[in-house]
Amino acid sequence: MQKAIILATALAGSIGLAACAPAETNTAVEEAQDSGALAVVQGFYEAIGTGDMDTVAGLLAEDVAWSEAEGSPYAAGNPYVGFEAMGAGVFGPINEAFADFAGIPETFTTEGDRVVVEGRYTGTNRETGEALDAPFVHVFTVADGQIATFQQYTDTWQWRQLTGTLED
């Protein structure tokens, strides 16, 4: 666990996953604030953005099931179970491949214990200098005040092209 925290702390500082208020609001977000799920997910983005890995770890269930988009260069270990697996299989490799990486949430939509976040990934490939600018959708399930599951959807073609893993 300590290794993952060190990795994630270094990653958060270098990738700058940004916390931001939603650019748009909707009634589903306003109605769901009482459930706490929205606050947990917003707290996750804020903690990542500030590099507060203790808070990040506390917001994740010990057995969180984290799934990257099918076809993503980081999906081989799906689902990554636990914080350490996420750091080794997802966050670490992204940090190695991209400078100034950010995942910027733009809108939050909630229904019960589920929070859907729409946003954009940006960054620069460290080897080629090519820019990443890909939309994402993150789907979180929150249980007992912690993130229990995560599913990512994104432009996997762009990710594979920029990481050199695009197959002919």
N, C-alpha and C. Protein backbone atom coordinates (compact mmCIF):
# COMPACT_ATOMS: atom_id res chain seq x y z
N MET A 1 0.82 -1.18 0.00
CA MET A 1 0.00 0.00 0.00
C MET A 1 0.87 1.25 0.00
N GLN A 2 1.95 1.27 0.79
CA GLN A 2 2.82 2.44 0.87
C GLN A 2 3.42 2.75 -0.50
N LYS A 3 3.83 1.72 -1.25
CA LYS A 3 4.39 1.92 -2.58
C LYS A 3 3.37 2.59 -3.49
N ALA A 4 2.13 2.16 -3.42
CA ALA A 4 1.09 2.75 -4.25
C ALA A 4 0.84 4.20 -3.85
N ILE A 5 0.88 4.50 -2.57
CA ILE A 5 0.67 5.88 -2.13
C ILE A 5 1.79 6.76 -2.63
N ILE A 6 3.02 6.29 -2.55
CA ILE A 6 4.15 7.07 -3.06
C ILE A 6 3.99 7.28 -4.56
N LEU A 7 3.64 6.22 -5.28
CA LEU A 7 3.44 6.31 -6.73
C LEU A 7 2.32 7.28 -7.05
N ALA A 8 1.21 7.15 -6.36
CA ALA A 8 0.07 8.01 -6.63
C ALA A 8 0.35 9.45 -6.26
N THR A 9 1.09 9.68 -5.19
CA THR A 9 1.44 11.04 -4.80
C THR A 9 2.31 11.68 -5.86
N ALA A 10 3.31 10.96 -6.33
CA ALA A 10 4.16 11.49 -7.39
C ALA A 10 3.34 11.73 -8.65
N LEU A 11 2.46 10.82 -8.94
CA LEU A 11 1.62 10.94 -10.12
C LEU A 11 0.72 12.15 -10.03
N ALA A 12 0.03 12.32 -8.91
CA ALA A 12 -0.90 13.43 -8.76
C ALA A 12 -0.18 14.75 -8.95
N GLY A 13 1.01 14.86 -8.41
CA GLY A 13 1.75 16.10 -8.57
C GLY A 13 2.18 16.34 -10.00
N SER A 14 2.48 15.28 -10.71
CA SER A 14 2.97 15.46 -12.08
C SER A 14 1.86 15.51 -13.12
N ILE A 15 0.74 14.82 -12.85
CA ILE A 15 -0.30 14.82 -13.87
C ILE A 15 -1.33 15.90 -13.67
N GLY A 16 -1.41 16.43 -12.47
CA GLY A 16 -2.31 17.54 -12.24
C GLY A 16 -3.76 17.23 -12.54
N LEU A 17 -4.24 16.06 -12.14
CA LEU A 17 -5.66 15.80 -12.32
C LEU A 17 -6.40 16.93 -11.64
N ALA A 18 -7.15 17.67 -12.41
CA ALA A 18 -7.74 18.90 -11.90
C ALA A 18 -9.10 18.68 -11.26
N ALA A 19 -9.30 19.35 -10.17
CA ALA A 19 -10.62 19.38 -9.56
C ALA A 19 -11.29 20.66 -10.03
N CYS A 20 -12.53 20.56 -10.41
CA CYS A 20 -13.24 21.76 -10.80
C CYS A 20 -14.72 21.54 -10.60
N ALA A 21 -15.41 22.65 -10.46
CA ALA A 21 -16.86 22.57 -10.34
C ALA A 21 -17.43 22.22 -11.71
N PRO A 22 -18.58 21.58 -11.74
CA PRO A 22 -19.16 21.24 -13.03
C PRO A 22 -19.46 22.50 -13.83
N ALA A 23 -19.18 22.45 -15.14
CA ALA A 23 -19.47 23.57 -16.01
C ALA A 23 -20.97 23.75 -16.17
N GLU A 24 -21.70 22.68 -16.04
CA GLU A 24 -23.15 22.71 -16.16
C GLU A 24 -23.73 22.04 -14.92
N THR A 25 -24.91 22.44 -14.56
CA THR A 25 -25.60 21.73 -13.50
C THR A 25 -26.89 21.18 -14.06
N ASN A 26 -27.44 20.20 -13.39
CA ASN A 26 -28.73 19.67 -13.79
C ASN A 26 -29.49 19.28 -12.54
N THR A 27 -30.77 19.08 -12.68
CA THR A 27 -31.59 18.79 -11.50
C THR A 27 -31.18 17.48 -10.86
N ALA A 28 -30.71 16.52 -11.63
CA ALA A 28 -30.28 15.25 -11.03
C ALA A 28 -29.15 15.49 -10.05
N VAL A 29 -28.22 16.37 -10.38
CA VAL A 29 -27.12 16.68 -9.49
C VAL A 29 -27.65 17.34 -8.23
N GLU A 30 -28.51 18.33 -8.40
CA GLU A 30 -29.04 19.05 -7.24
C GLU A 30 -29.83 18.13 -6.33
N GLU A 31 -30.64 17.24 -6.89
CA GLU A 31 -31.46 16.34 -6.09
C GLU A 31 -30.63 15.28 -5.38
N ALA A 32 -29.52 14.88 -5.95
CA ALA A 32 -28.75 13.77 -5.40
C ALA A 32 -27.75 14.21 -4.34
N GLN A 33 -27.58 15.50 -4.14
CA GLN A 33 -26.60 15.95 -3.17
C GLN A 33 -26.87 15.38 -1.79
N ASP A 34 -28.13 15.12 -1.47
CA ASP A 34 -28.47 14.55 -0.17
C ASP A 34 -27.92 13.15 0.00
N SER A 35 -27.72 12.41 -1.09
CA SER A 35 -27.27 11.02 -0.99
C SER A 35 -25.81 10.90 -0.58
N GLY A 36 -25.03 11.91 -0.80
CA GLY A 36 -23.62 11.86 -0.45
C GLY A 36 -22.74 11.32 -1.55
N ALA A 37 -23.30 10.61 -2.52
CA ALA A 37 -22.49 10.03 -3.60
C ALA A 37 -21.77 11.12 -4.38
N LEU A 38 -22.47 12.19 -4.67
CA LEU A 38 -21.85 13.28 -5.42
C LEU A 38 -20.68 13.88 -4.64
N ALA A 39 -20.88 14.10 -3.36
CA ALA A 39 -19.81 14.68 -2.53
C ALA A 39 -18.58 13.78 -2.50
N VAL A 40 -18.80 12.47 -2.45
CA VAL A 40 -17.67 11.53 -2.45
C VAL A 40 -16.88 11.65 -3.75
N VAL A 41 -17.57 11.66 -4.88
CA VAL A 41 -16.88 11.71 -6.18
C VAL A 41 -16.21 13.07 -6.38
N GLN A 42 -16.89 14.15 -6.02
CA GLN A 42 -16.25 15.46 -6.13
C GLN A 42 -15.03 15.54 -5.22
N GLY A 43 -15.14 14.94 -4.03
CA GLY A 43 -14.00 14.91 -3.12
C GLY A 43 -12.83 14.12 -3.69
N PHE A 44 -13.14 13.06 -4.44
CA PHE A 44 -12.11 12.27 -5.10
C PHE A 44 -11.33 13.13 -6.10
N TYR A 45 -12.05 13.84 -6.98
CA TYR A 45 -11.37 14.69 -7.97
C TYR A 45 -10.57 15.79 -7.28
N GLU A 46 -11.12 16.38 -6.24
CA GLU A 46 -10.41 17.43 -5.52
C GLU A 46 -9.14 16.89 -4.89
N ALA A 47 -9.23 15.73 -4.25
CA ALA A 47 -8.05 15.14 -3.60
C ALA A 47 -6.98 14.77 -4.62
N ILE A 48 -7.39 14.20 -5.75
CA ILE A 48 -6.42 13.89 -6.80
C ILE A 48 -5.75 15.17 -7.28
N GLY A 49 -6.56 16.21 -7.48
CA GLY A 49 -6.04 17.48 -7.98
C GLY A 49 -5.04 18.14 -7.06
N THR A 50 -5.19 17.93 -5.76
CA THR A 50 -4.26 18.54 -4.81
C THR A 50 -3.17 17.58 -4.36
N GLY A 51 -3.22 16.34 -4.85
CA GLY A 51 -2.20 15.36 -4.47
C GLY A 51 -2.40 14.78 -3.09
N ASP A 52 -3.60 14.88 -2.54
CA ASP A 52 -3.91 14.37 -1.21
C ASP A 52 -4.26 12.88 -1.31
N MET A 53 -3.23 12.05 -1.36
CA MET A 53 -3.44 10.62 -1.58
C MET A 53 -4.02 9.90 -0.37
N ASP A 54 -3.85 10.47 0.82
CA ASP A 54 -4.50 9.87 1.98
C ASP A 54 -6.02 9.96 1.83
N THR A 55 -6.49 11.12 1.38
CA THR A 55 -7.93 11.28 1.15
C THR A 55 -8.40 10.40 0.01
N VAL A 56 -7.63 10.34 -1.08
CA VAL A 56 -7.99 9.48 -2.20
C VAL A 56 -8.15 8.05 -1.71
N ALA A 57 -7.17 7.55 -0.98
CA ALA A 57 -7.23 6.17 -0.49
C ALA A 57 -8.44 5.97 0.42
N GLY A 58 -8.76 6.96 1.23
CA GLY A 58 -9.90 6.87 2.12
C GLY A 58 -11.24 6.89 1.41
N LEU A 59 -11.27 7.50 0.23
CA LEU A 59 -12.52 7.56 -0.54
C LEU A 59 -12.76 6.31 -1.37
N LEU A 60 -11.75 5.46 -1.48
CA LEU A 60 -11.88 4.23 -2.25
C LEU A 60 -12.11 3.05 -1.32
N ALA A 61 -13.09 2.23 -1.65
CA ALA A 61 -13.28 0.99 -0.90
C ALA A 61 -12.01 0.16 -1.04
N GLU A 62 -11.70 -0.60 -0.01
CA GLU A 62 -10.48 -1.42 -0.05
C GLU A 62 -10.45 -2.33 -1.27
N ASP A 63 -11.63 -2.82 -1.66
CA ASP A 63 -11.73 -3.72 -2.82
C ASP A 63 -12.37 -3.03 -4.03
N VAL A 64 -12.12 -1.72 -4.16
CA VAL A 64 -12.67 -0.98 -5.30
C VAL A 64 -12.34 -1.72 -6.59
N ALA A 65 -13.31 -1.82 -7.48
CA ALA A 65 -13.11 -2.46 -8.79
C ALA A 65 -13.02 -1.34 -9.82
N TRP A 66 -11.82 -1.11 -10.35
CA TRP A 66 -11.53 0.00 -11.24
C TRP A 66 -11.33 -0.56 -12.65
N SER A 67 -12.17 -0.16 -13.60
CA SER A 67 -12.08 -0.68 -14.97
C SER A 67 -11.83 0.43 -15.97
N GLU A 68 -10.75 0.30 -16.70
CA GLU A 68 -10.44 1.21 -17.79
C GLU A 68 -11.27 0.82 -19.02
N ALA A 69 -11.44 1.74 -19.95
CA ALA A 69 -12.23 1.49 -21.15
C ALA A 69 -11.68 0.29 -21.92
N GLU A 70 -12.60 -0.54 -22.41
CA GLU A 70 -12.17 -1.67 -23.25
C GLU A 70 -11.42 -1.13 -24.45
N GLY A 71 -10.30 -1.74 -24.77
CA GLY A 71 -9.47 -1.28 -25.87
C GLY A 71 -8.44 -0.25 -25.47
N SER A 72 -8.48 0.19 -24.24
CA SER A 72 -7.50 1.15 -23.74
C SER A 72 -6.15 0.45 -23.54
N PRO A 73 -5.05 1.19 -23.69
CA PRO A 73 -3.76 0.57 -23.43
C PRO A 73 -3.57 0.18 -21.96
N TYR A 74 -4.47 0.63 -21.09
CA TYR A 74 -4.35 0.34 -19.67
C TYR A 74 -5.43 -0.62 -19.17
N ALA A 75 -6.14 -1.28 -20.07
CA ALA A 75 -7.26 -2.15 -19.69
C ALA A 75 -6.87 -3.60 -19.42
N ALA A 76 -5.63 -3.95 -19.64
CA ALA A 76 -5.22 -5.36 -19.54
C ALA A 76 -5.50 -5.97 -18.17
N GLY A 77 -5.46 -5.20 -17.12
CA GLY A 77 -5.67 -5.73 -15.78
C GLY A 77 -7.09 -5.56 -15.25
N ASN A 78 -8.02 -5.17 -16.12
CA ASN A 78 -9.41 -4.95 -15.69
C ASN A 78 -10.02 -6.17 -15.06
N PRO A 79 -10.79 -5.98 -14.02
CA PRO A 79 -10.80 -4.78 -13.19
C PRO A 79 -9.60 -4.79 -12.25
N TYR A 80 -9.03 -3.61 -12.05
CA TYR A 80 -7.98 -3.46 -11.05
C TYR A 80 -8.68 -3.41 -9.70
N VAL A 81 -8.27 -4.26 -8.79
CA VAL A 81 -8.93 -4.32 -7.49
C VAL A 81 -8.00 -3.73 -6.44
N GLY A 82 -8.43 -2.61 -5.87
CA GLY A 82 -7.67 -1.95 -4.83
C GLY A 82 -6.80 -0.83 -5.35
N PHE A 83 -6.43 0.03 -4.41
CA PHE A 83 -5.66 1.23 -4.71
C PHE A 83 -4.28 0.92 -5.29
N GLU A 84 -3.62 -0.07 -4.72
CA GLU A 84 -2.26 -0.41 -5.18
C GLU A 84 -2.29 -0.90 -6.63
N ALA A 85 -3.26 -1.73 -6.97
CA ALA A 85 -3.37 -2.23 -8.35
C ALA A 85 -3.64 -1.10 -9.33
N MET A 86 -4.47 -0.14 -8.92
CA MET A 86 -4.75 1.02 -9.77
C MET A 86 -3.47 1.82 -10.04
N GLY A 87 -2.70 2.03 -8.98
CA GLY A 87 -1.47 2.80 -9.13
C GLY A 87 -0.49 2.13 -10.07
N ALA A 88 -0.34 0.81 -9.90
CA ALA A 88 0.62 0.08 -10.73
C ALA A 88 0.15 -0.12 -12.16
N GLY A 89 -1.14 -0.33 -12.35
CA GLY A 89 -1.64 -0.67 -13.69
C GLY A 89 -2.16 0.49 -14.50
N VAL A 90 -2.53 1.57 -13.83
CA VAL A 90 -3.14 2.69 -14.55
C VAL A 90 -2.36 3.98 -14.33
N PHE A 91 -2.35 4.47 -13.09
CA PHE A 91 -1.77 5.78 -12.83
C PHE A 91 -0.27 5.85 -13.12
N GLY A 92 0.47 4.83 -12.73
CA GLY A 92 1.91 4.82 -12.99
C GLY A 92 2.23 4.85 -14.49
N PRO A 93 1.63 3.94 -15.28
CA PRO A 93 1.90 3.95 -16.72
C PRO A 93 1.48 5.25 -17.42
N ILE A 94 0.37 5.85 -16.97
CA ILE A 94 -0.04 7.13 -17.56
C ILE A 94 1.00 8.20 -17.26
N ASN A 95 1.50 8.21 -16.03
CA ASN A 95 2.54 9.16 -15.65
C ASN A 95 3.80 8.97 -16.48
N GLU A 96 4.14 7.73 -16.76
CA GLU A 96 5.32 7.46 -17.57
C GLU A 96 5.14 7.94 -19.01
N ALA A 97 3.92 7.84 -19.54
CA ALA A 97 3.67 8.16 -20.94
C ALA A 97 3.37 9.64 -21.19
N PHE A 98 2.78 10.34 -20.20
CA PHE A 98 2.29 11.70 -20.45
C PHE A 98 2.79 12.70 -19.42
N ALA A 99 3.24 13.84 -19.94
CA ALA A 99 3.58 14.99 -19.10
C ALA A 99 2.32 15.85 -18.98
N ASP A 100 2.26 16.63 -17.97
CA ASP A 100 1.16 17.58 -17.72
C ASP A 100 -0.23 16.98 -17.98
N PHE A 101 -0.39 15.71 -17.60
CA PHE A 101 -1.66 15.02 -17.79
C PHE A 101 -2.71 15.59 -16.83
N ALA A 102 -3.92 15.76 -17.32
CA ALA A 102 -5.04 16.20 -16.48
C ALA A 102 -6.30 15.50 -16.91
N GLY A 103 -7.12 15.17 -15.95
CA GLY A 103 -8.47 14.67 -16.19
C GLY A 103 -9.41 15.69 -15.59
N ILE A 104 -10.08 16.44 -16.41
CA ILE A 104 -10.86 17.58 -15.94
C ILE A 104 -12.35 17.29 -16.03
N PRO A 105 -13.00 17.13 -14.88
CA PRO A 105 -14.45 16.88 -14.91
C PRO A 105 -15.19 18.15 -15.31
N GLU A 106 -16.23 17.98 -16.12
CA GLU A 106 -17.01 19.14 -16.57
C GLU A 106 -18.45 19.09 -16.06
N THR A 107 -19.08 17.93 -16.07
CA THR A 107 -20.44 17.81 -15.56
C THR A 107 -20.57 16.56 -14.72
N PHE A 108 -21.45 16.64 -13.75
CA PHE A 108 -21.75 15.53 -12.87
C PHE A 108 -23.24 15.26 -12.95
N THR A 109 -23.60 14.00 -13.12
CA THR A 109 -25.00 13.60 -13.12
C THR A 109 -25.13 12.44 -12.16
N THR A 110 -26.14 12.47 -11.32
CA THR A 110 -26.27 11.42 -10.32
C THR A 110 -27.65 10.80 -10.35
N GLU A 111 -27.67 9.57 -9.92
CA GLU A 111 -28.92 8.85 -9.68
C GLU A 111 -28.63 7.84 -8.59
N GLY A 112 -29.17 8.10 -7.42
CA GLY A 112 -28.92 7.21 -6.28
C GLY A 112 -27.45 7.16 -5.94
N ASP A 113 -26.88 5.94 -5.96
CA ASP A 113 -25.48 5.76 -5.59
C ASP A 113 -24.54 5.84 -6.78
N ARG A 114 -25.06 6.21 -7.95
CA ARG A 114 -24.23 6.29 -9.17
C ARG A 114 -23.99 7.74 -9.55
N VAL A 115 -22.75 8.02 -9.92
CA VAL A 115 -22.38 9.36 -10.36
C VAL A 115 -21.68 9.21 -11.71
N VAL A 116 -22.18 9.94 -12.70
CA VAL A 116 -21.59 9.93 -14.04
C VAL A 116 -20.91 11.29 -14.24
N VAL A 117 -19.65 11.24 -14.63
CA VAL A 117 -18.86 12.46 -14.81
C VAL A 117 -18.40 12.52 -16.26
N GLU A 118 -18.69 13.65 -16.89
CA GLU A 118 -18.21 13.90 -18.26
C GLU A 118 -17.08 14.92 -18.17
N GLY A 119 -16.04 14.70 -18.96
CA GLY A 119 -14.92 15.63 -18.93
C GLY A 119 -13.94 15.37 -20.05
N ARG A 120 -12.72 15.87 -19.88
CA ARG A 120 -11.68 15.74 -20.90
C ARG A 120 -10.35 15.39 -20.25
N TYR A 121 -9.61 14.56 -20.97
CA TYR A 121 -8.22 14.28 -20.63
C TYR A 121 -7.34 15.15 -21.53
N THR A 122 -6.30 15.71 -20.95
CA THR A 122 -5.30 16.43 -21.75
C THR A 122 -3.92 16.02 -21.25
N GLY A 123 -2.95 16.20 -22.10
CA GLY A 123 -1.58 15.89 -21.72
C GLY A 123 -0.70 15.88 -22.95
N THR A 124 0.58 15.64 -22.74
CA THR A 124 1.54 15.62 -23.82
C THR A 124 2.35 14.34 -23.73
N ASN A 125 2.40 13.59 -24.82
CA ASN A 125 3.19 12.37 -24.85
C ASN A 125 4.65 12.74 -24.62
N ARG A 126 5.27 12.10 -23.64
CA ARG A 126 6.64 12.43 -23.26
C ARG A 126 7.65 12.13 -24.37
N GLU A 127 7.41 11.11 -25.16
CA GLU A 127 8.37 10.73 -26.20
C GLU A 127 8.20 11.53 -27.49
N THR A 128 6.94 11.74 -27.90
CA THR A 128 6.69 12.35 -29.21
C THR A 128 6.29 13.81 -29.16
N GLY A 129 5.85 14.28 -28.01
CA GLY A 129 5.38 15.66 -27.90
C GLY A 129 3.96 15.85 -28.42
N GLU A 130 3.31 14.76 -28.83
CA GLU A 130 1.95 14.86 -29.34
C GLU A 130 0.97 15.12 -28.20
N ALA A 131 -0.07 15.90 -28.51
CA ALA A 131 -1.05 16.28 -27.50
C ALA A 131 -2.20 15.28 -27.42
N LEU A 132 -2.59 14.99 -26.19
CA LEU A 132 -3.79 14.20 -25.91
C LEU A 132 -4.91 15.19 -25.60
N ASP A 133 -6.05 15.01 -26.22
CA ASP A 133 -7.25 15.81 -25.93
C ASP A 133 -8.44 14.91 -26.20
N ALA A 134 -8.80 14.12 -25.21
CA ALA A 134 -9.82 13.09 -25.38
C ALA A 134 -10.96 13.28 -24.38
N PRO A 135 -12.19 13.13 -24.85
CA PRO A 135 -13.31 13.19 -23.92
C PRO A 135 -13.35 11.93 -23.06
N PHE A 136 -13.96 12.03 -21.88
CA PHE A 136 -14.17 10.84 -21.06
C PHE A 136 -15.54 10.89 -20.41
N VAL A 137 -16.00 9.72 -20.05
CA VAL A 137 -17.13 9.54 -19.15
C VAL A 137 -16.66 8.57 -18.09
N HIS A 138 -16.83 8.95 -16.83
CA HIS A 138 -16.50 8.10 -15.69
C HIS A 138 -17.80 7.76 -14.98
N VAL A 139 -18.00 6.49 -14.69
CA VAL A 139 -19.19 6.06 -13.97
C VAL A 139 -18.73 5.46 -12.64
N PHE A 140 -19.14 6.11 -11.55
CA PHE A 140 -18.78 5.67 -10.21
C PHE A 140 -20.00 5.08 -9.51
N THR A 141 -19.78 4.05 -8.72
CA THR A 141 -20.79 3.57 -7.78
C THR A 141 -20.23 3.79 -6.39
N VAL A 142 -21.01 4.42 -5.55
CA VAL A 142 -20.59 4.73 -4.19
C VAL A 142 -21.41 3.89 -3.22
N ALA A 143 -20.73 3.25 -2.28
CA ALA A 143 -21.40 2.45 -1.25
C ALA A 143 -20.74 2.76 0.09
N ASP A 144 -21.54 2.99 1.09
CA ASP A 144 -21.04 3.26 2.44
C ASP A 144 -20.02 4.39 2.47
N GLY A 145 -20.26 5.43 1.65
CA GLY A 145 -19.38 6.60 1.66
C GLY A 145 -18.06 6.42 0.95
N GLN A 146 -17.90 5.33 0.18
CA GLN A 146 -16.65 5.11 -0.55
C GLN A 146 -16.95 4.69 -1.98
N ILE A 147 -16.00 4.94 -2.87
CA ILE A 147 -16.13 4.52 -4.26
C ILE A 147 -15.93 3.01 -4.32
N ALA A 148 -16.97 2.31 -4.78
CA ALA A 148 -16.92 0.85 -4.85
C ALA A 148 -16.55 0.37 -6.24
N THR A 149 -17.01 1.08 -7.28
CA THR A 149 -16.66 0.71 -8.66
C THR A 149 -16.43 1.95 -9.48
N PHE A 150 -15.63 1.78 -10.53
CA PHE A 150 -15.32 2.85 -11.48
C PHE A 150 -15.27 2.21 -12.86
N GLN A 151 -15.93 2.84 -13.82
CA GLN A 151 -15.86 2.41 -15.22
C GLN A 151 -15.56 3.63 -16.07
N GLN A 152 -14.54 3.52 -16.89
CA GLN A 152 -14.13 4.60 -17.77
C GLN A 152 -14.58 4.33 -19.19
N TYR A 153 -14.98 5.39 -19.88
CA TYR A 153 -15.24 5.37 -21.32
C TYR A 153 -14.48 6.55 -21.91
N THR A 154 -13.73 6.29 -23.00
CA THR A 154 -12.94 7.35 -23.60
C THR A 154 -12.59 6.98 -25.03
N ASP A 155 -11.92 7.88 -25.71
CA ASP A 155 -11.47 7.67 -27.08
C ASP A 155 -10.22 6.78 -27.06
N THR A 156 -10.43 5.48 -27.06
CA THR A 156 -9.30 4.55 -26.93
C THR A 156 -8.40 4.57 -28.16
N TRP A 157 -8.93 4.89 -29.31
CA TRP A 157 -8.11 4.99 -30.52
C TRP A 157 -7.03 6.04 -30.32
N GLN A 158 -7.43 7.22 -29.81
CA GLN A 158 -6.46 8.29 -29.59
C GLN A 158 -5.42 7.89 -28.55
N TRP A 159 -5.86 7.27 -27.46
CA TRP A 159 -4.92 6.81 -26.44
C TRP A 159 -3.91 5.83 -27.04
N ARG A 160 -4.41 4.86 -27.83
CA ARG A 160 -3.51 3.86 -28.43
C ARG A 160 -2.58 4.50 -29.45
N GLN A 161 -3.08 5.42 -30.23
CA GLN A 161 -2.22 6.10 -31.19
C GLN A 161 -1.08 6.83 -30.48
N LEU A 162 -1.41 7.54 -29.42
CA LEU A 162 -0.41 8.35 -28.73
C LEU A 162 0.56 7.51 -27.89
N THR A 163 0.14 6.33 -27.46
CA THR A 163 1.05 5.47 -26.67
C THR A 163 1.78 4.46 -27.52
N GLY A 164 1.55 4.47 -28.82
CA GLY A 164 2.23 3.54 -29.71
C GLY A 164 1.72 2.12 -29.62
N THR A 165 0.50 1.94 -29.13
CA THR A 165 -0.06 0.60 -28.99
C THR A 165 -1.21 0.36 -29.96
N LEU A 166 -1.38 1.23 -30.93
CA LEU A 166 -2.43 1.06 -31.94
C LEU A 166 -2.01 -0.02 -32.90
N GLU A 167 -2.86 -1.04 -33.01
CA GLU A 167 -2.56 -2.15 -33.90
C GLU A 167 -3.14 -1.86 -35.28
N ASP A 168 -2.45 -2.34 -36.31
CA ASP A 168 -2.95 -2.13 -37.67
C ASP A 168 -4.20 -2.93 -37.94
